[in-house]
């Protein structure tokens, strides 16, 4: 469950969670919690996104490995 995993990110127990789906309601409420804890939430391209329509997945992190995860996804799609 992405909510439980994201709470582990907010608590500092894990570094990162990825969300491959397009459902905005699963991520919208998590964004302020994660960012309030010093983390970062973007789509899989590393961009901010709106949550009033389908989303392009999500990367939820403590911020330390966020950019590396975005780059990993970009390289994976290029192959």
Protein backbone atom coordinates (compact mmCIF):
# COMPACT_ATOMS: atom_id res chain seq x y z
CA UNK A 1 0.00 0.00 0.00
CA UNK A 2 1.57 3.28 -1.12
CA UNK A 3 0.18 5.20 1.85
CA UNK A 4 1.86 2.93 4.40
CA UNK A 5 5.11 2.96 2.45
CA UNK A 6 5.03 6.75 2.11
CA UNK A 7 4.55 7.09 5.86
CA UNK A 8 7.73 5.05 6.31
CA UNK A 9 9.50 7.61 4.11
CA UNK A 10 8.11 10.45 6.24
CA UNK A 11 9.29 8.67 9.39
CA UNK A 12 12.77 8.20 7.95
CA UNK A 13 12.56 4.41 7.97
CA UNK A 14 12.92 3.99 4.19
CA UNK A 15 14.44 6.26 1.54
CA UNK A 16 12.10 6.05 -1.44
CA UNK A 17 8.84 4.66 -2.82
CA UNK A 18 7.76 4.63 -6.43
CA UNK A 19 4.15 4.62 -7.57
CA UNK A 20 3.56 3.44 -11.15
CA UNK A 21 -0.15 4.20 -11.37
CA UNK A 22 -2.15 7.18 -12.62
CA UNK A 23 -4.61 7.61 -9.73
CA UNK A 24 -4.16 11.09 -8.25
CA UNK A 25 -6.17 10.39 -5.10
CA UNK A 26 -3.54 7.91 -3.92
CA UNK A 27 -0.80 10.57 -3.90
CA UNK A 28 -2.47 13.98 -3.44
CA UNK A 29 -2.81 13.70 0.35
CA UNK A 30 0.69 12.31 0.75
CA UNK A 31 2.47 15.22 -0.93
CA UNK A 32 2.08 17.76 1.93
CA UNK A 33 2.96 15.12 4.54
CA UNK A 34 6.13 14.04 2.74
CA UNK A 35 7.21 17.60 1.96
CA UNK A 36 6.45 18.65 5.53
CA UNK A 37 8.84 15.94 6.68
CA UNK A 38 11.54 17.32 4.36
CA UNK A 39 10.98 14.89 1.49
CA UNK A 40 10.05 15.28 -2.12
CA UNK A 41 7.18 14.10 -4.36
CA UNK A 42 7.24 14.39 -8.15
CA UNK A 43 6.03 12.45 -11.14
CA UNK A 44 8.39 9.82 -12.58
CA UNK A 45 9.93 12.49 -14.84
CA UNK A 46 10.93 14.54 -11.79
CA UNK A 47 8.31 17.24 -12.39
CA UNK A 48 5.66 18.65 -10.09
CA UNK A 49 2.18 17.61 -11.11
CA UNK A 50 -1.44 18.47 -10.50
CA UNK A 51 -3.69 16.10 -8.65
CA UNK A 52 -7.04 17.02 -10.21
CA UNK A 53 -6.47 14.66 -13.15
CA UNK A 54 -4.56 11.46 -13.89
CA UNK A 55 -0.92 11.60 -12.86
CA UNK A 56 2.27 10.26 -14.40
CA UNK A 57 3.16 7.98 -11.50
CA UNK A 58 5.07 9.31 -8.51
CA UNK A 59 8.44 9.19 -6.84
CA UNK A 60 8.16 9.75 -3.10
CA UNK A 61 11.46 10.18 -1.29
CA UNK A 62 13.34 11.73 1.57
CA UNK A 63 15.03 13.85 -1.10
CA UNK A 64 18.47 12.25 -0.93
CA UNK A 65 18.01 9.74 -3.76
CA UNK A 66 15.26 11.52 -5.64
CA UNK A 67 17.24 12.79 -8.62
CA UNK A 68 19.09 9.49 -8.99
CA UNK A 69 15.75 7.67 -9.11
CA UNK A 70 14.42 10.05 -11.77
CA UNK A 71 17.55 9.45 -13.84
CA UNK A 72 17.18 5.69 -13.40
CA UNK A 73 13.66 5.82 -14.80
CA UNK A 74 14.75 8.00 -17.72
CA UNK A 75 17.57 5.59 -18.62
CA UNK A 76 15.25 2.59 -18.29
CA UNK A 77 12.78 4.10 -20.78
CA UNK A 78 15.53 4.98 -23.26
CA UNK A 79 16.66 1.34 -23.46
